[in-house]
Amino acid sequence: MSISLTEAPGAPVHHFRLLAEGTTVSGGSTLPDPAAALAAVRLHGTDIFFPVPGPPRACTQQYGGPQVAVVTGWFGGRAVHSTFTRTDGCEIARWQALAPLLGALAGGTGAV
């Protein structure tokens, strides 16, 4: 998977890669904590990357910051192209679930 993270409009883009074979991180991964990123993807991947439509959700109207991350690649044999933001409570929860994939060390927020 490839990750492009922008901290704020006009800020430099940080690029990361997560490469794995099954449950093992492969060489060439450039995330700060690739093992934590792979664990987060394996735990949340299907639901986060391919959400099933359902009833509308109530999301808190809190703002978590201007960060934007775009994740592309493959998961479970399916093409992934997902955008993550911190624009409301639901999006902040998605961001936190995959924070290691978005450039954070385990337990961090994903902000560089």
PDB file of N, CA and C in Angstrom:
ATOM      1  N   MET A   1       0.847  -1.175   0.000  1.00  0.00           N
ATOM      2  CA  MET A   1       0.000   0.000   0.000  1.00  0.00           C
ATOM      3  C   MET A   1       0.887   1.230   0.000  1.00  0.00           C
ATOM      4  N   SER A   2       0.378   2.263  -0.620  1.00  0.00           N
ATOM      5  CA  SER A   2       1.060   3.556  -0.625  1.00  0.00           C
ATOM      6  C   SER A   2       0.206   4.546   0.144  1.00  0.00           C
ATOM      7  N   ILE A   3       0.860   5.386   0.927  1.00  0.00           N
ATOM      8  CA  ILE A   3       0.172   6.375   1.744  1.00  0.00           C
ATOM      9  C   ILE A   3       0.771   7.732   1.442  1.00  0.00           C
ATOM     10  N   SER A   4      -0.090   8.711   1.171  1.00  0.00           N
ATOM     11  CA  SER A   4       0.335  10.102   0.996  1.00  0.00           C
ATOM     12  C   SER A   4      -0.347  10.902   2.088  1.00  0.00           C
ATOM     13  N   LEU A   5       0.430  11.546   2.944  1.00  0.00           N
ATOM     14  CA  LEU A   5      -0.089  12.290   4.087  1.00  0.00           C
ATOM     15  C   LEU A   5       0.283  13.751   3.958  1.00  0.00           C
ATOM     16  N   THR A   6      -0.728  14.613   4.065  1.00  0.00           N
ATOM     17  CA  THR A   6      -0.506  16.058   4.075  1.00  0.00           C
ATOM     18  C   THR A   6      -0.992  16.588   5.413  1.00  0.00           C
ATOM     19  N   GLU A   7      -0.132  17.301   6.116  1.00  0.00           N
ATOM     20  CA  GLU A   7      -0.466  17.819   7.438  1.00  0.00           C
ATOM     21  C   GLU A   7      -1.395  19.030   7.389  1.00  0.00           C
ATOM     22  N   ALA A   8      -1.310  19.839   6.333  1.00  0.00           N
ATOM     23  CA  ALA A   8      -2.120  21.053   6.205  1.00  0.00           C
ATOM     24  C   ALA A   8      -2.088  21.477   4.737  1.00  0.00           C
ATOM     25  N   PRO A   9      -3.083  22.242   4.298  1.00  0.00           N
ATOM     26  CA  PRO A   9      -3.069  22.725   2.919  1.00  0.00           C
ATOM     27  C   PRO A   9      -1.755  23.445   2.604  1.00  0.00           C
ATOM     28  N   GLY A  10      -1.130  23.070   1.506  1.00  0.00           N
ATOM     29  CA  GLY A  10       0.122  23.692   1.096  1.00  0.00           C
ATOM     30  C   GLY A  10       1.360  23.113   1.752  1.00  0.00           C
ATOM     31  N   ALA A  11       1.205  22.234   2.739  1.00  0.00           N
ATOM     32  CA  ALA A  11       2.356  21.618   3.417  1.00  0.00           C
ATOM     33  C   ALA A  11       2.940  20.512   2.537  1.00  0.00           C
ATOM     34  N   PRO A  12       4.189  20.160   2.789  1.00  0.00           N
ATOM     35  CA  PRO A  12       4.792  19.070   2.016  1.00  0.00           C
ATOM     36  C   PRO A  12       4.013  17.767   2.210  1.00  0.00           C
ATOM     37  N   VAL A  13       4.020  16.929   1.196  1.00  0.00           N
ATOM     38  CA  VAL A  13       3.366  15.627   1.270  1.00  0.00           C
ATOM     39  C   VAL A  13       4.398  14.598   1.740  1.00  0.00           C
ATOM     40  N   HIS A  14       4.022  13.803   2.734  1.00  0.00           N
ATOM     41  CA  HIS A  14       4.861  12.709   3.219  1.00  0.00           C
ATOM     42  C   HIS A  14       4.371  11.433   2.543  1.00  0.00           C
ATOM     43  N   HIS A  15       5.304  10.648   2.012  1.00  0.00           N
ATOM     44  CA  HIS A  15       4.949   9.408   1.326  1.00  0.00           C
ATOM     45  C   HIS A  15       5.490   8.231   2.126  1.00  0.00           C
ATOM     46  N   PHE A  16       4.637   7.224   2.307  1.00  0.00           N
ATOM     47  CA  PHE A  16       5.018   6.001   3.008  1.00  0.00           C
ATOM     48  C   PHE A  16       4.583   4.814   2.174  1.00  0.00           C
ATOM     49  N   ARG A  17       5.185   3.661   2.468  1.00  0.00           N
ATOM     50  CA  ARG A  17       4.789   2.399   1.835  1.00  0.00           C
ATOM     51  C   ARG A  17       4.694   1.332   2.905  1.00  0.00           C
ATOM     52  N   LEU A  18       3.712   0.457   2.744  1.00  0.00           N
ATOM     53  CA  LEU A  18       3.605  -0.738   3.571  1.00  0.00           C
ATOM     54  C   LEU A  18       3.594  -1.920   2.618  1.00  0.00           C
ATOM     55  N   LEU A  19       4.601  -2.755   2.736  1.00  0.00           N
ATOM     56  CA  LEU A  19       4.706  -3.961   1.924  1.00  0.00           C
ATOM     57  C   LEU A  19       4.664  -5.155   2.863  1.00  0.00           C
ATOM     58  N   ALA A  20       3.852  -6.154   2.506  1.00  0.00           N
ATOM     59  CA  ALA A  20       3.720  -7.320   3.374  1.00  0.00           C
ATOM     60  C   ALA A  20       3.386  -8.554   2.558  1.00  0.00           C
ATOM     61  N   GLU A  21       3.784  -9.685   3.084  1.00  0.00           N
ATOM     62  CA  GLU A  21       3.410 -10.996   2.569  1.00  0.00           C
ATOM     63  C   GLU A  21       2.634 -11.680   3.680  1.00  0.00           C
ATOM     64  N   GLY A  22       1.313 -11.752   3.533  1.00  0.00           N
ATOM     65  CA  GLY A  22       0.486 -12.346   4.584  1.00  0.00           C
ATOM     66  C   GLY A  22       0.572 -11.531   5.857  1.00  0.00           C
ATOM     67  N   THR A  23       1.096 -12.138   6.908  1.00  0.00           N
ATOM     68  CA  THR A  23       1.185 -11.455   8.204  1.00  0.00           C
ATOM     69  C   THR A  23       2.586 -10.924   8.492  1.00  0.00           C
ATOM     70  N   THR A  24       3.464 -10.929   7.477  1.00  0.00           N
ATOM     71  CA  THR A  24       4.852 -10.515   7.667  1.00  0.00           C
ATOM     72  C   THR A  24       5.156  -9.258   6.858  1.00  0.00           C
ATOM     73  N   VAL A  25       5.707  -8.252   7.523  1.00  0.00           N
ATOM     74  CA  VAL A  25       6.134  -7.024   6.854  1.00  0.00           C
ATOM     75  C   VAL A  25       7.323  -7.350   5.965  1.00  0.00           C
ATOM     76  N   SER A  26       7.298  -6.848   4.744  1.00  0.00           N
ATOM     77  CA  SER A  26       8.386  -7.071   3.791  1.00  0.00           C
ATOM     78  C   SER A  26       9.343  -5.889   3.798  1.00  0.00           C
ATOM     79  N   GLY A  27      10.563  -6.138   3.326  1.00  0.00           N
ATOM     80  CA  GLY A  27      11.528  -5.065   3.166  1.00  0.00           C
ATOM     81  C   GLY A  27      10.971  -4.029   2.201  1.00  0.00           C
ATOM     82  N   GLY A  28      11.370  -2.800   2.374  1.00  0.00           N
ATOM     83  CA  GLY A  28      10.877  -1.733   1.519  1.00  0.00           C
ATOM     84  C   GLY A  28       9.760  -0.926   2.155  1.00  0.00           C
ATOM     85  N   SER A  29       9.227  -1.400   3.280  1.00  0.00           N
ATOM     86  CA  SER A  29       8.220  -0.613   4.000  1.00  0.00           C
ATOM     87  C   SER A  29       8.901   0.599   4.598  1.00  0.00           C
ATOM     88  N   THR A  30       8.281   1.771   4.486  1.00  0.00           N
ATOM     89  CA  THR A  30       8.917   3.002   4.951  1.00  0.00           C
ATOM     90  C   THR A  30       8.152   3.678   6.083  1.00  0.00           C
ATOM     91  N   LEU A  31       7.112   3.040   6.602  1.00  0.00           N
ATOM     92  CA  LEU A  31       6.379   3.611   7.735  1.00  0.00           C
ATOM     93  C   LEU A  31       7.240   3.567   8.990  1.00  0.00           C
ATOM     94  N   PRO A  32       7.025   4.485   9.928  1.00  0.00           N
ATOM     95  CA  PRO A  32       7.794   4.454  11.171  1.00  0.00           C
ATOM     96  C   PRO A  32       7.599   3.161  11.965  1.00  0.00           C
ATOM     97  N   ASP A  33       6.396   2.555  11.922  1.00  0.00           N
ATOM     98  CA  ASP A  33       6.108   1.337  12.665  1.00  0.00           C
ATOM     99  C   ASP A  33       5.309   0.389  11.761  1.00  0.00           C
ATOM    100  N   PRO A  34       5.985  -0.238  10.781  1.00  0.00           N
ATOM    101  CA  PRO A  34       5.259  -1.055   9.817  1.00  0.00           C
ATOM    102  C   PRO A  34       4.525  -2.246  10.428  1.00  0.00           C
ATOM    103  N   ALA A  35       5.053  -2.824  11.499  1.00  0.00           N
ATOM    104  CA  ALA A  35       4.362  -3.957  12.136  1.00  0.00           C
ATOM    105  C   ALA A  35       3.029  -3.508  12.723  1.00  0.00           C
ATOM    106  N   ALA A  36       3.005  -2.347  13.369  1.00  0.00           N
ATOM    107  CA  ALA A  36       1.745  -1.816  13.918  1.00  0.00           C
ATOM    108  C   ALA A  36       0.779  -1.448  12.794  1.00  0.00           C
ATOM    109  N   ALA A  37       1.312  -0.931  11.681  1.00  0.00           N
ATOM    110  CA  ALA A  37       0.461  -0.586  10.534  1.00  0.00           C
ATOM    111  C   ALA A  37      -0.193  -1.836   9.962  1.00  0.00           C
ATOM    112  N   LEU A  38       0.572  -2.894   9.793  1.00  0.00           N
ATOM    113  CA  LEU A  38       0.025  -4.136   9.260  1.00  0.00           C
ATOM    114  C   LEU A  38      -1.016  -4.712  10.211  1.00  0.00           C
ATOM    115  N   ALA A  39      -0.760  -4.657  11.501  1.00  0.00           N
ATOM    116  CA  ALA A  39      -1.742  -5.149  12.482  1.00  0.00           C
ATOM    117  C   ALA A  39      -3.040  -4.350  12.394  1.00  0.00           C
ATOM    118  N   ALA A  40      -2.940  -3.031  12.245  1.00  0.00           N
ATOM    119  CA  ALA A  40      -4.143  -2.188  12.134  1.00  0.00           C
ATOM    120  C   ALA A  40      -4.914  -2.497  10.855  1.00  0.00           C
ATOM    121  N   VAL A  41      -4.205  -2.679   9.759  1.00  0.00           N
ATOM    122  CA  VAL A  41      -4.862  -3.001   8.487  1.00  0.00           C
ATOM    123  C   VAL A  41      -5.556  -4.355   8.593  1.00  0.00           C
ATOM    124  N   ARG A  42      -4.901  -5.326   9.163  1.00  0.00           N
ATOM    125  CA  ARG A  42      -5.507  -6.659   9.287  1.00  0.00           C
ATOM    126  C   ARG A  42      -6.722  -6.622  10.216  1.00  0.00           C
ATOM    127  N   LEU A  43      -6.689  -5.798  11.243  1.00  0.00           N
ATOM    128  CA  LEU A  43      -7.805  -5.698  12.188  1.00  0.00           C
ATOM    129  C   LEU A  43      -8.994  -4.945  11.598  1.00  0.00           C
ATOM    130  N   HIS A  44      -8.746  -3.852  10.891  1.00  0.00           N
ATOM    131  CA  HIS A  44      -9.816  -2.952  10.442  1.00  0.00           C
ATOM    132  C   HIS A  44     -10.010  -2.894   8.927  1.00  0.00           C
ATOM    133  N   GLY A  45      -9.137  -3.487   8.141  1.00  0.00           N
ATOM    134  CA  GLY A  45      -9.105  -3.296   6.693  1.00  0.00           C
ATOM    135  C   GLY A  45     -10.414  -3.397   5.954  1.00  0.00           C
ATOM    136  N   THR A  46     -11.097  -4.523   6.048  1.00  0.00           N
ATOM    137  CA  THR A  46     -12.312  -4.695   5.262  1.00  0.00           C
ATOM    138  C   THR A  46     -13.344  -3.638   5.607  1.00  0.00           C
ATOM    139  N   ASP A  47     -13.610  -3.435   6.876  1.00  0.00           N
ATOM    140  CA  ASP A  47     -14.623  -2.454   7.287  1.00  0.00           C
ATOM    141  C   ASP A  47     -14.200  -1.024   6.967  1.00  0.00           C
ATOM    142  N   ILE A  48     -12.928  -0.712   7.119  1.00  0.00           N
ATOM    143  CA  ILE A  48     -12.444   0.652   6.891  1.00  0.00           C
ATOM    144  C   ILE A  48     -12.332   0.961   5.402  1.00  0.00           C
ATOM    145  N   PHE A  49     -11.788   0.029   4.640  1.00  0.00           N
ATOM    146  CA  PHE A  49     -11.561   0.271   3.222  1.00  0.00           C
ATOM    147  C   PHE A  49     -12.798   0.028   2.351  1.00  0.00           C
ATOM    148  N   PHE A  50     -13.650  -0.901   2.761  1.00  0.00           N
ATOM    149  CA  PHE A  50     -14.821  -1.279   1.957  1.00  0.00           C
ATOM    150  C   PHE A  50     -16.076  -1.278   2.824  1.00  0.00           C
ATOM    151  N   PRO A  51     -16.506  -0.120   3.294  1.00  0.00           N
ATOM    152  CA  PRO A  51     -17.671  -0.086   4.198  1.00  0.00           C
ATOM    153  C   PRO A  51     -18.947  -0.530   3.485  1.00  0.00           C
ATOM    154  N   VAL A  52     -19.768  -1.231   4.248  1.00  0.00           N
ATOM    155  CA  VAL A  52     -21.065  -1.667   3.738  1.00  0.00           C
ATOM    156  C   VAL A  52     -22.063  -0.549   4.009  1.00  0.00           C
ATOM    157  N   PRO A  53     -22.830  -0.138   2.997  1.00  0.00           N
ATOM    158  CA  PRO A  53     -23.814   0.927   3.235  1.00  0.00           C
ATOM    159  C   PRO A  53     -24.801   0.508   4.328  1.00  0.00           C
ATOM    160  N   GLY A  54     -25.144   1.445   5.138  1.00  0.00           N
ATOM    161  CA  GLY A  54     -26.083   1.185   6.219  1.00  0.00           C
ATOM    162  C   GLY A  54     -26.848   2.440   6.551  1.00  0.00           C
ATOM    163  N   PRO A  55     -27.532   2.400   7.680  1.00  0.00           N
ATOM    164  CA  PRO A  55     -28.275   3.596   8.063  1.00  0.00           C
ATOM    165  C   PRO A  55     -27.317   4.756   8.343  1.00  0.00           C
ATOM    166  N   PRO A  56     -27.789   5.994   8.203  1.00  0.00           N
ATOM    167  CA  PRO A  56     -26.950   7.156   8.499  1.00  0.00           C
ATOM    168  C   PRO A  56     -26.421   7.095   9.932  1.00  0.00           C
ATOM    169  N   ARG A  57     -25.200   7.574  10.106  1.00  0.00           N
ATOM    170  CA  ARG A  57     -24.588   7.603  11.433  1.00  0.00           C
ATOM    171  C   ARG A  57     -24.568   9.035  11.944  1.00  0.00           C
ATOM    172  N   ALA A  58     -24.734   9.163  13.229  1.00  0.00           N
ATOM    173  CA  ALA A  58     -24.593  10.474  13.860  1.00  0.00           C
ATOM    174  C   ALA A  58     -23.116  10.658  14.209  1.00  0.00           C
ATOM    175  N   CYS A  59     -22.516  11.712  13.690  1.00  0.00           N
ATOM    176  CA  CYS A  59     -21.101  11.991  13.931  1.00  0.00           C
ATOM    177  C   CYS A  59     -20.981  13.312  14.674  1.00  0.00           C
ATOM    178  N   THR A  60     -20.142  13.322  15.693  1.00  0.00           N
ATOM    179  CA  THR A  60     -19.935  14.571  16.413  1.00  0.00           C
ATOM    180  C   THR A  60     -19.334  15.600  15.469  1.00  0.00           C
ATOM    181  N   GLN A  61     -19.705  16.820  15.629  1.00  0.00           N
ATOM    182  CA  GLN A  61     -19.212  17.892  14.765  1.00  0.00           C
ATOM    183  C   GLN A  61     -17.998  18.552  15.401  1.00  0.00           C
ATOM    184  N   GLN A  62     -16.978  17.745  15.670  1.00  0.00           N
ATOM    185  CA  GLN A  62     -15.718  18.255  16.176  1.00  0.00           C
ATOM    186  C   GLN A  62     -14.708  18.224  15.041  1.00  0.00           C
ATOM    187  N   TYR A  63     -13.759  19.111  15.098  1.00  0.00           N
ATOM    188  CA  TYR A  63     -12.738  19.214  14.070  1.00  0.00           C
ATOM    189  C   TYR A  63     -11.428  18.722  14.653  1.00  0.00           C
ATOM    190  N   GLY A  64     -10.818  17.729  14.013  1.00  0.00           N
ATOM    191  CA  GLY A  64      -9.588  17.153  14.527  1.00  0.00           C
ATOM    192  C   GLY A  64      -8.327  17.675  13.882  1.00  0.00           C
ATOM    193  N   GLY A  65      -8.441  18.485  12.844  1.00  0.00           N
ATOM    194  CA  GLY A  65      -7.256  19.034  12.186  1.00  0.00           C
ATOM    195  C   GLY A  65      -7.349  18.927  10.687  1.00  0.00           C
ATOM    196  N   PRO A  66      -6.411  19.566   9.986  1.00  0.00           N
ATOM    197  CA  PRO A  66      -6.470  19.639   8.525  1.00  0.00           C
ATOM    198  C   PRO A  66      -5.804  18.465   7.802  1.00  0.00           C
ATOM    199  N   GLN A  67      -5.308  17.478   8.532  1.00  0.00           N
ATOM    200  CA  GLN A  67      -4.579  16.390   7.895  1.00  0.00           C
ATOM    201  C   GLN A  67      -5.473  15.623   6.911  1.00  0.00           C
ATOM    202  N   VAL A  68      -4.843  15.189   5.815  1.00  0.00           N
ATOM    203  CA  VAL A  68      -5.504  14.346   4.821  1.00  0.00           C
ATOM    204  C   VAL A  68      -4.510  13.248   4.440  1.00  0.00           C
ATOM    205  N   ALA A  69      -4.988  12.017   4.447  1.00  0.00           N
ATOM    206  CA  ALA A  69      -4.164  10.887   4.010  1.00  0.00           C
ATOM    207  C   ALA A  69      -4.924  10.125   2.937  1.00  0.00           C
ATOM    208  N   VAL A  70      -4.215   9.750   1.888  1.00  0.00           N
ATOM    209  CA  VAL A  70      -4.790   8.945   0.812  1.00  0.00           C
ATOM    210  C   VAL A  70      -4.036   7.622   0.779  1.00  0.00           C
ATOM    211  N   VAL A  71      -4.783   6.530   0.873  1.00  0.00           N
ATOM    212  CA  VAL A  71      -4.208   5.186   0.877  1.00  0.00           C
ATOM    213  C   VAL A  71      -4.622   4.494  -0.415  1.00  0.00           C
ATOM    214  N   THR A  72      -3.639   3.990  -1.149  1.00  0.00           N
ATOM    215  CA  THR A  72      -3.911   3.240  -2.366  1.00  0.00           C
ATOM    216  C   THR A  72      -3.145   1.930  -2.329  1.00  0.00           C
ATOM    217  N   GLY A  73      -3.621   0.971  -3.049  1.00  0.00           N
ATOM    218  CA  GLY A  73      -2.944  -0.320  -3.113  1.00  0.00           C
ATOM    219  C   GLY A  73      -3.951  -1.443  -3.195  1.00  0.00           C
ATOM    220  N   TRP A  74      -3.608  -2.563  -2.564  1.00  0.00           N
ATOM    221  CA  TRP A  74      -4.446  -3.754  -2.603  1.00  0.00           C
ATOM    222  C   TRP A  74      -4.626  -4.311  -1.204  1.00  0.00           C
ATOM    223  N   PHE A  75      -5.838  -4.787  -0.915  1.00  0.00           N
ATOM    224  CA  PHE A  75      -6.118  -5.463   0.354  1.00  0.00           C
ATOM    225  C   PHE A  75      -7.130  -6.572   0.068  1.00  0.00           C
ATOM    226  N   GLY A  76      -6.787  -7.781   0.440  1.00  0.00           N
ATOM    227  CA  GLY A  76      -7.697  -8.904   0.232  1.00  0.00           C
ATOM    228  C   GLY A  76      -8.062  -9.111  -1.226  1.00  0.00           C
ATOM    229  N   GLY A  77      -7.120  -8.824  -2.132  1.00  0.00           N
ATOM    230  CA  GLY A  77      -7.369  -9.001  -3.550  1.00  0.00           C
ATOM    231  C   GLY A  77      -8.219  -7.907  -4.191  1.00  0.00           C
ATOM    232  N   ARG A  78      -8.498  -6.847  -3.445  1.00  0.00           N
ATOM    233  CA  ARG A  78      -9.316  -5.748  -3.963  1.00  0.00           C
ATOM    234  C   ARG A  78      -8.499  -4.457  -3.982  1.00  0.00           C
ATOM    235  N   ALA A  79      -8.750  -3.637  -4.998  1.00  0.00           N
ATOM    236  CA  ALA A  79      -8.070  -2.349  -5.095  1.00  0.00           C
ATOM    237  C   ALA A  79      -8.589  -1.411  -4.016  1.00  0.00           C
ATOM    238  N   VAL A  80      -7.663  -0.715  -3.372  1.00  0.00           N
ATOM    239  CA  VAL A  80      -7.997   0.255  -2.318  1.00  0.00           C
ATOM    240  C   VAL A  80      -7.667   1.651  -2.823  1.00  0.00           C
ATOM    241  N   HIS A  81      -8.579   2.577  -2.619  1.00  0.00           N
ATOM    242  CA  HIS A  81      -8.325   4.007  -2.825  1.00  0.00           C
ATOM    243  C   HIS A  81      -9.210   4.720  -1.801  1.00  0.00           C
ATOM    244  N   SER A  82      -8.642   4.988  -0.623  1.00  0.00           N
ATOM    245  CA  SER A  82      -9.409   5.572   0.480  1.00  0.00           C
ATOM    246  C   SER A  82      -8.766   6.864   0.951  1.00  0.00           C
ATOM    247  N   THR A  83      -9.617   7.827   1.250  1.00  0.00           N
ATOM    248  CA  THR A  83      -9.160   9.099   1.800  1.00  0.00           C
ATOM    249  C   THR A  83      -9.562   9.168   3.261  1.00  0.00           C
ATOM    250  N   PHE A  84      -8.623   9.586   4.101  1.00  0.00           N
ATOM    251  CA  PHE A  84      -8.850   9.733   5.529  1.00  0.00           C
ATOM    252  C   PHE A  84      -8.657  11.197   5.906  1.00  0.00           C
ATOM    253  N   THR A  85      -9.579  11.725   6.696  1.00  0.00           N
ATOM    254  CA  THR A  85      -9.491  13.105   7.181  1.00  0.00           C
ATOM    255  C   THR A  85      -9.806  13.111   8.668  1.00  0.00           C
ATOM    256  N   ARG A  86      -9.799  14.289   9.254  1.00  0.00           N
ATOM    257  CA  ARG A  86     -10.135  14.445  10.673  1.00  0.00           C
ATOM    258  C   ARG A  86     -11.214  15.523  10.812  1.00  0.00           C
ATOM    259  N   THR A  87     -12.195  15.516   9.886  1.00  0.00           N
ATOM    260  CA  THR A  87     -13.173  16.598   9.795  1.00  0.00           C
ATOM    261  C   THR A  87     -14.377  16.466  10.714  1.00  0.00           C
ATOM    262  N   ASP A  88     -14.622  15.279  11.269  1.00  0.00           N
ATOM    263  CA  ASP A  88     -15.709  15.100  12.236  1.00  0.00           C
ATOM    264  C   ASP A  88     -15.409  13.857  13.073  1.00  0.00           C
ATOM    265  N   GLY A  89     -16.270  13.586  14.032  1.00  0.00           N
ATOM    266  CA  GLY A  89     -16.012  12.480  14.949  1.00  0.00           C
ATOM    267  C   GLY A  89     -15.880  11.133  14.267  1.00  0.00           C
ATOM    268  N   CYS A  90     -16.688  10.869  13.252  1.00  0.00           N
ATOM    269  CA  CYS A  90     -16.606   9.593  12.535  1.00  0.00           C
ATOM    270  C   CYS A  90     -15.295   9.475  11.776  1.00  0.00           C
ATOM    271  N   GLU A  91     -14.883  10.548  11.117  1.00  0.00           N
ATOM    272  CA  GLU A  91     -13.631  10.523  10.367  1.00  0.00           C
ATOM    273  C   GLU A  91     -12.419  10.444  11.307  1.00  0.00           C
ATOM    274  N   ILE A  92     -12.510  11.107  12.452  1.00  0.00           N
ATOM    275  CA  ILE A  92     -11.430  11.006  13.438  1.00  0.00           C
ATOM    276  C   ILE A  92     -11.298   9.560  13.913  1.00  0.00           C
ATOM    277  N   ALA A  93     -12.420   8.872  14.126  1.00  0.00           N
ATOM    278  CA  ALA A  93     -12.390   7.469  14.557  1.00  0.00           C
ATOM    279  C   ALA A  93     -11.741   6.587  13.488  1.00  0.00           C
ATOM    280  N   ARG A  94     -12.069   6.809  12.219  1.00  0.00           N
ATOM    281  CA  ARG A  94     -11.431   6.056  11.126  1.00  0.00           C
ATOM    282  C   ARG A  94      -9.923   6.307  11.122  1.00  0.00           C
ATOM    283  N   TRP A  95      -9.544   7.587  11.292  1.00  0.00           N
ATOM    284  CA  TRP A  95      -8.126   7.962  11.301  1.00  0.00           C
ATOM    285  C   TRP A  95      -7.403   7.236  12.438  1.00  0.00           C
ATOM    286  N   GLN A  96      -7.985   7.293  13.629  1.00  0.00           N
ATOM    287  CA  GLN A  96      -7.342   6.673  14.794  1.00  0.00           C
ATOM    288  C   GLN A  96      -7.203   5.164  14.622  1.00  0.00           C
ATOM    289  N   ALA A  97      -8.195   4.522  13.986  1.00  0.00           N
ATOM    290  CA  ALA A  97      -8.138   3.075  13.791  1.00  0.00           C
ATOM    291  C   ALA A  97      -6.937   2.666  12.945  1.00  0.00           C
ATOM    292  N   LEU A  98      -6.573   3.491  11.982  1.00  0.00           N
ATOM    293  CA  LEU A  98      -5.444   3.170  11.100  1.00  0.00           C
ATOM    294  C   LEU A  98      -4.264   4.109  11.289  1.00  0.00           C
ATOM    295  N   ALA A  99      -4.150   4.744  12.437  1.00  0.00           N
ATOM    296  CA  ALA A  99      -3.075   5.711  12.680  1.00  0.00           C
ATOM    297  C   ALA A  99      -1.690   5.177  12.330  1.00  0.00           C
ATOM    298  N   PRO A 100      -1.323   3.928  12.685  1.00  0.00           N
ATOM    299  CA  PRO A 100       0.012   3.462  12.300  1.00  0.00           C
ATOM    300  C   PRO A 100       0.213   3.401  10.784  1.00  0.00           C
ATOM    301  N   LEU A 101      -0.856   3.148  10.026  1.00  0.00           N
ATOM    302  CA  LEU A 101      -0.759   3.140   8.570  1.00  0.00           C
ATOM    303  C   LEU A 101      -0.595   4.553   8.024  1.00  0.00           C
ATOM    304  N   LEU A 102      -1.040   5.539   8.801  1.00  0.00           N
ATOM    305  CA  LEU A 102      -0.975   6.936   8.370  1.00  0.00           C
ATOM    306  C   LEU A 102       0.263   7.644   8.900  1.00  0.00           C
ATOM    307  N   GLY A 103       1.244   6.884   9.351  1.00  0.00           N
ATOM    308  CA  GLY A 103       2.536   7.451   9.722  1.00  0.00           C
ATOM    309  C   GLY A 103       2.818   7.564  11.201  1.00  0.00           C
ATOM    310  N   ALA A 104       1.907   7.072  12.061  1.00  0.00           N
ATOM    311  CA  ALA A 104       2.132   7.171  13.507  1.00  0.00           C
ATOM    312  C   ALA A 104       2.863   5.951  14.035  1.00  0.00           C
ATOM    313  N   LEU A 105       3.546   6.156  15.127  1.00  0.00           N
ATOM    314  CA  LEU A 105       4.044   5.020  15.887  1.00  0.00           C
ATOM    315  C   LEU A 105       2.831   4.429  16.610  1.00  0.00           C
ATOM    316  N   ALA A 106       2.910   3.181  17.022  1.00  0.00           N
ATOM    317  CA  ALA A 106       1.794   2.547  17.728  1.00  0.00           C
ATOM    318  C   ALA A 106       1.361   3.444  18.872  1.00  0.00           C
ATOM    319  N   GLY A 107       0.056   3.705  18.955  1.00  0.00           N
ATOM    320  CA  GLY A 107      -0.487   4.583  19.990  1.00  0.00           C
ATOM    321  C   GLY A 107      -0.518   6.040  19.621  1.00  0.00           C
ATOM    322  N   GLY A 108       0.043   6.430  18.469  1.00  0.00           N
ATOM    323  CA  GLY A 108       0.054   7.833  18.048  1.00  0.00           C
ATOM    324  C   GLY A 108      -1.166   8.178  17.211  1.00  0.00           C
ATOM    325  N   THR A 109      -1.208   9.412  16.729  1.00  0.00           N
ATOM    326  CA  THR A 109      -2.376   9.896  15.998  1.00  0.00           C
ATOM    327  C   THR A 109      -2.228   9.838  14.486  1.00  0.00           C
ATOM    328  N   GLY A 110      -1.050   9.620  13.987  1.00  0.00           N
ATOM    329  CA  GLY A 110      -0.840   9.604  12.540  1.00  0.00           C
ATOM    330  C   GLY A 110      -0.255  10.900  12.033  1.00  0.00           C
ATOM    331  N   ALA A 111      -0.266  11.930  12.849  1.00  0.00           N
ATOM    332  CA  ALA A 111       0.348  13.202  12.462  1.00  0.00           C
ATOM    333  C   ALA A 111       1.859  13.039  12.515  1.00  0.00           C
ATOM    334  N   VAL A 112       2.543  13.542  11.508  1.00  0.00           N
ATOM    335  CA  VAL A 112       4.012  13.414  11.457  1.00  0.00           C
ATOM    336  C   VAL A 112       4.646  14.438  12.362  1.00  0.00           C
TER     337      VAL A 112
END
